[in-house]
């Protein structure tokens, strides 16, 4: 898999969601780590997304297997942290539960909850909570407006830089093939994950919602669960101050466990 790496120290595996590429995670996490040394950040592109070819990947089990191969090659047996966004959170939960001694902390950003198929999820009605009236290029608006709870020049800029490029690169045909076998055969949760965890959800997230995520908490006894108002599926760019504060607190909990 194609990946980008920054820093040195404790490995941090950052897994983007369905369709975008590594730039989504890099854009929101690098500002956080600017003031926190001692972390080696790894940003892979999932198969069929970004610059990673799909090859013979045809299911989420295959995507997870590719991630595990990446971990074995780039991290080995070293302890590491996992941060996952949306579908990447689904995969991150599986990694944490399959490698509980190695994954020392789990953070999820607008993760998929108990229901993977979009039609089965419990989600709120879409609502724009804040807007500065910015006029956008039609191509950008077509991708941005359907989930932009905070519709401002700044969130549009970050969407255009961090999310849109991945949407344009994705191998849609290969992704459609993977979606035919989208659920992990063993499921993400295998029991109880006993390490520090963080669940960040948006009150207006019309893609993954927050109610199905809350139902996961019995599996994560040391998780903070946060529902942010004025935040949708792009929570990381719509509430950057709270995002940095909550992610920083999670890193502190991991460091002191």
Protein backbone atom coordinates (compact mmCIF):
# COMPACT_ATOMS: atom_id res chain seq x y z
CA UNK A 1 0.00 0.00 0.00
CA UNK A 2 1.10 3.53 -0.71
CA UNK A 3 1.73 5.52 2.47
CA UNK A 4 3.20 8.74 3.82
CA UNK A 5 5.28 8.85 7.00
CA UNK A 6 6.15 11.69 9.39
CA UNK A 7 8.09 11.86 12.64
CA UNK A 8 9.81 9.27 14.81
CA UNK A 9 8.87 7.41 17.98
CA UNK A 10 5.73 5.51 18.95
CA UNK A 11 4.01 4.36 15.73
CA UNK A 12 0.57 5.83 15.03
CA UNK A 13 -1.42 4.15 12.26
CA UNK A 14 -4.01 6.53 10.78
CA UNK A 15 -6.71 4.90 8.64
CA UNK A 16 -8.91 7.06 6.42
CA UNK A 17 -12.52 6.33 5.54
CA UNK A 18 -14.31 4.96 2.50
CA UNK A 19 -13.34 6.76 -0.77
CA UNK A 20 -10.93 9.52 0.41
CA UNK A 21 -7.21 8.86 0.84
CA UNK A 22 -4.49 9.44 3.43
CA UNK A 23 -4.71 13.23 3.08
CA UNK A 24 -7.90 13.28 5.15
CA UNK A 25 -6.01 11.93 8.15
CA UNK A 26 -2.79 13.81 7.51
CA UNK A 27 -4.65 17.12 7.31
CA UNK A 28 -6.31 16.80 10.73
CA UNK A 29 -3.57 14.98 12.63
CA UNK A 30 -0.36 16.74 11.66
CA UNK A 31 -1.42 20.02 13.38
CA UNK A 32 -2.04 17.95 16.54
CA UNK A 33 1.40 16.35 16.43
CA UNK A 34 3.21 19.62 15.71
CA UNK A 35 3.26 20.21 19.47
CA UNK A 36 3.76 16.54 20.45
CA UNK A 37 7.07 14.93 19.64
CA UNK A 38 7.87 11.24 19.91
CA UNK A 39 5.32 9.82 17.46
CA UNK A 40 5.89 8.17 14.08
CA UNK A 41 2.78 8.81 12.01
CA UNK A 42 1.92 6.34 9.23
CA UNK A 43 -0.74 7.36 6.71
CA UNK A 44 -1.57 4.55 4.25
CA UNK A 45 -4.00 4.63 1.33
CA UNK A 46 -6.43 1.72 1.59
CA UNK A 47 -6.66 -0.62 -1.43
CA UNK A 48 -8.63 0.94 -4.33
CA UNK A 49 -8.19 4.40 -2.79
CA UNK A 50 -5.53 7.05 -3.24
CA UNK A 51 -2.44 5.56 -4.87
CA UNK A 52 -2.98 2.01 -3.57
CA UNK A 53 -4.16 -0.39 -6.30
CA UNK A 54 -6.99 -2.77 -5.53
CA UNK A 55 -5.19 -5.77 -7.10
CA UNK A 56 -7.19 -8.86 -6.06
CA UNK A 57 -8.84 -7.27 -2.99
CA UNK A 58 -12.53 -8.09 -3.09
CA UNK A 59 -13.84 -7.79 0.50
CA UNK A 60 -13.33 -6.00 3.82
CA UNK A 61 -11.59 -9.14 5.05
CA UNK A 62 -9.06 -8.60 2.25
CA UNK A 63 -8.68 -4.90 3.13
CA UNK A 64 -8.04 -5.82 6.77
CA UNK A 65 -5.54 -8.48 5.69
CA UNK A 66 -3.71 -5.86 3.60
CA UNK A 67 -3.58 -3.56 6.64
CA UNK A 68 -2.19 -6.36 8.80
CA UNK A 69 0.50 -7.06 6.18
CA UNK A 70 1.34 -3.34 6.22
CA UNK A 71 1.62 -3.40 10.02
CA UNK A 72 3.87 -6.46 9.98
CA UNK A 73 6.13 -4.85 7.36
CA UNK A 74 6.31 -1.29 8.71
CA UNK A 75 5.73 -1.67 12.47
CA UNK A 76 6.46 -5.31 13.23
CA UNK A 77 5.83 -6.41 16.82
CA UNK A 78 6.23 -2.89 18.26
CA UNK A 79 3.32 -1.40 20.25
CA UNK A 80 1.38 1.22 18.30
CA UNK A 81 -1.72 3.43 18.33
CA UNK A 82 -4.59 3.31 15.85
CA UNK A 83 -6.75 6.21 14.67
CA UNK A 84 -9.59 5.46 12.26
CA UNK A 85 -12.14 7.64 10.50
CA UNK A 86 -15.55 6.36 9.32
CA UNK A 87 -14.95 2.99 7.56
CA UNK A 88 -11.35 3.31 8.74
CA UNK A 89 -12.79 3.24 12.26
CA UNK A 90 -14.49 -0.06 11.46
CA UNK A 91 -11.11 -1.50 10.47
CA UNK A 92 -9.37 0.15 13.43
CA UNK A 93 -11.79 -1.54 15.85
CA UNK A 94 -10.96 -4.89 14.28
CA UNK A 95 -7.21 -4.27 14.62
CA UNK A 96 -7.55 -3.24 18.27
CA UNK A 97 -9.58 -6.33 19.10
CA UNK A 98 -7.31 -8.70 17.18
CA UNK A 99 -4.09 -7.21 18.57
CA UNK A 100 -5.09 -6.01 22.07
CA UNK A 101 -1.57 -6.31 23.50
CA UNK A 102 0.03 -4.43 20.60
CA UNK A 103 -2.58 -1.69 19.99
CA UNK A 104 -2.09 0.54 23.06
CA UNK A 105 -4.78 3.06 22.18
CA UNK A 106 -7.74 3.45 19.82
CA UNK A 107 -9.27 6.71 18.57
CA UNK A 108 -12.25 6.85 16.23
CA UNK A 109 -13.44 9.86 14.23
CA UNK A 110 -17.07 9.69 13.03
CA UNK A 111 -16.78 5.90 12.93
CA UNK A 112 -19.19 3.42 11.45
CA UNK A 113 -21.13 1.94 14.37
CA UNK A 114 -23.07 -1.28 14.79
CA UNK A 115 -24.54 -1.07 11.26
CA UNK A 116 -22.14 -1.09 8.30
CA UNK A 117 -24.66 -0.85 5.40
CA UNK A 118 -25.65 2.80 5.01
CA UNK A 119 -29.35 2.01 4.63
CA UNK A 120 -29.43 0.36 8.07
CA UNK A 121 -27.75 3.14 10.04
CA UNK A 122 -29.52 5.42 12.50
CA UNK A 123 -28.67 8.93 11.33
CA UNK A 124 -30.13 12.42 11.91
CA UNK A 125 -31.62 14.62 9.21
CA UNK A 126 -29.04 16.72 7.39
CA UNK A 127 -28.82 20.28 8.69
CA UNK A 128 -26.49 23.19 7.99
CA UNK A 129 -25.72 24.71 11.40
CA UNK A 130 -23.31 27.46 10.38
CA UNK A 131 -22.63 29.24 7.09
CA UNK A 132 -20.79 32.33 5.96
CA UNK A 133 -22.45 32.37 2.54
CA UNK A 134 -19.32 31.31 0.67
CA UNK A 135 -19.80 30.78 -3.09
CA UNK A 136 -18.14 27.56 -4.24
CA UNK A 137 -17.03 26.09 -7.52
CA UNK A 138 -19.87 23.80 -8.73
CA UNK A 139 -17.65 20.67 -8.68
CA UNK A 140 -16.59 21.34 -5.11
CA UNK A 141 -20.12 22.24 -4.02
CA UNK A 142 -21.48 18.99 -5.48
CA UNK A 143 -19.21 16.95 -3.19
CA UNK A 144 -19.16 19.28 -0.18
CA UNK A 145 -22.71 20.51 0.31
CA UNK A 146 -24.36 17.18 1.05
CA UNK A 147 -22.60 16.81 4.42
CA UNK A 148 -21.23 20.29 5.23
CA UNK A 149 -22.77 21.11 8.60
CA UNK A 150 -20.35 24.04 8.87
CA UNK A 151 -20.36 25.60 5.39
CA UNK A 152 -17.66 28.25 5.49
CA UNK A 153 -14.73 29.32 3.34
CA UNK A 154 -12.32 27.61 5.78
CA UNK A 155 -14.11 24.25 5.91
CA UNK A 156 -14.50 24.35 2.11
CA UNK A 157 -10.77 25.04 1.72
CA UNK A 158 -9.85 22.11 3.93
CA UNK A 159 -12.34 19.83 2.19
CA UNK A 160 -10.83 20.80 -1.18
CA UNK A 161 -7.29 20.12 0.05
CA UNK A 162 -7.75 17.12 2.36
CA UNK A 163 -10.77 15.18 1.09
CA UNK A 164 -11.68 16.02 -2.51
CA UNK A 165 -8.40 14.78 -4.08
CA UNK A 166 -9.01 11.31 -2.68
CA UNK A 167 -12.60 11.30 -3.94
CA UNK A 168 -11.28 12.06 -7.42
CA UNK A 169 -8.63 9.29 -7.35
CA UNK A 170 -10.72 6.41 -5.98
CA UNK A 171 -11.17 3.27 -8.07
CA UNK A 172 -14.97 3.17 -7.94
CA UNK A 173 -15.30 -0.11 -9.82
CA UNK A 174 -13.01 -1.92 -7.37
CA UNK A 175 -14.78 -0.30 -4.41
CA UNK A 176 -18.13 -1.54 -5.71
CA UNK A 177 -16.66 -5.05 -5.86
CA UNK A 178 -15.44 -4.79 -2.26
CA UNK A 179 -18.85 -3.54 -1.10
CA UNK A 180 -20.44 -6.77 -2.28
CA UNK A 181 -18.65 -8.40 0.67
CA UNK A 182 -18.32 -5.35 2.92
CA UNK A 183 -18.84 -6.77 6.40
CA UNK A 184 -15.94 -8.44 8.20
CA UNK A 185 -16.66 -12.14 8.50
CA UNK A 186 -15.65 -12.23 12.19
CA UNK A 187 -16.97 -8.75 13.00
CA UNK A 188 -14.80 -5.99 14.51
CA UNK A 189 -15.43 -6.79 18.18
CA UNK A 190 -14.12 -10.06 19.59
CA UNK A 191 -14.60 -9.18 23.24
CA UNK A 192 -13.63 -6.24 25.46
CA UNK A 193 -10.81 -3.83 24.52
CA UNK A 194 -9.08 -2.82 27.76
CA UNK A 195 -6.98 0.14 26.56
CA UNK A 196 -7.74 3.91 26.37
CA UNK A 197 -10.19 4.70 23.58
CA UNK A 198 -11.94 7.76 22.17
CA UNK A 199 -15.14 7.94 20.13
CA UNK A 200 -15.71 11.31 18.41
CA UNK A 201 -19.13 11.70 16.81
CA UNK A 202 -21.11 14.55 15.27
CA UNK A 203 -24.65 15.43 16.38
CA UNK A 204 -25.54 16.27 12.77
CA UNK A 205 -23.54 13.45 11.12
CA UNK A 206 -25.91 12.18 8.42
CA UNK A 207 -23.45 9.53 7.18
CA UNK A 208 -22.65 7.39 10.24
CA UNK A 209 -24.58 9.18 13.00
CA UNK A 210 -23.84 8.72 16.69
CA UNK A 211 -26.54 6.40 18.08
CA UNK A 212 -25.15 3.22 16.52
CA UNK A 213 -21.69 4.17 17.80
CA UNK A 214 -22.91 4.62 21.37
CA UNK A 215 -24.13 1.01 21.32
CA UNK A 216 -20.50 -0.14 21.00
CA UNK A 217 -19.46 1.21 24.41
CA UNK A 218 -19.91 -2.05 26.39
CA UNK A 219 -16.95 -3.41 24.41
CA UNK A 220 -14.75 -0.42 25.38
CA UNK A 221 -14.73 0.11 29.18
CA UNK A 222 -12.03 2.82 28.98
CA UNK A 223 -13.54 4.87 26.17
CA UNK A 224 -14.61 8.49 26.17
CA UNK A 225 -17.69 8.98 24.00
CA UNK A 226 -18.29 12.50 22.67
CA UNK A 227 -21.18 13.90 20.61
CA UNK A 228 -20.33 17.35 19.28
CA UNK A 229 -23.06 19.76 18.22
CA UNK A 230 -22.48 21.74 15.02
CA UNK A 231 -20.50 18.83 13.61
CA UNK A 232 -21.25 16.36 10.84
CA UNK A 233 -19.24 13.66 9.12
CA UNK A 234 -16.38 16.11 8.60
CA UNK A 235 -16.13 16.75 12.34
CA UNK A 236 -12.35 17.10 12.20
CA UNK A 237 -12.55 20.21 10.01
CA UNK A 238 -15.78 21.60 11.48
CA UNK A 239 -14.71 21.55 15.13
CA UNK A 240 -10.87 21.68 14.94
CA UNK A 241 -10.31 23.21 18.40
CA UNK A 242 -12.36 20.57 20.19
CA UNK A 243 -10.92 17.88 17.93
CA UNK A 244 -7.35 18.79 18.95
CA UNK A 245 -8.25 19.06 22.63
CA UNK A 246 -10.02 15.69 22.78
CA UNK A 247 -7.40 13.89 20.73
CA UNK A 248 -4.70 15.39 22.93
CA UNK A 249 -6.46 14.18 26.07
CA UNK A 250 -6.66 10.68 24.57
CA UNK A 251 -2.92 10.74 23.83
CA UNK A 252 -2.31 11.75 27.44
CA UNK A 253 -4.40 8.83 28.71
CA UNK A 254 -2.51 6.43 26.47
CA UNK A 255 0.83 7.76 27.68
CA UNK A 256 -0.12 7.32 31.34
CA UNK A 257 -1.78 3.88 31.19
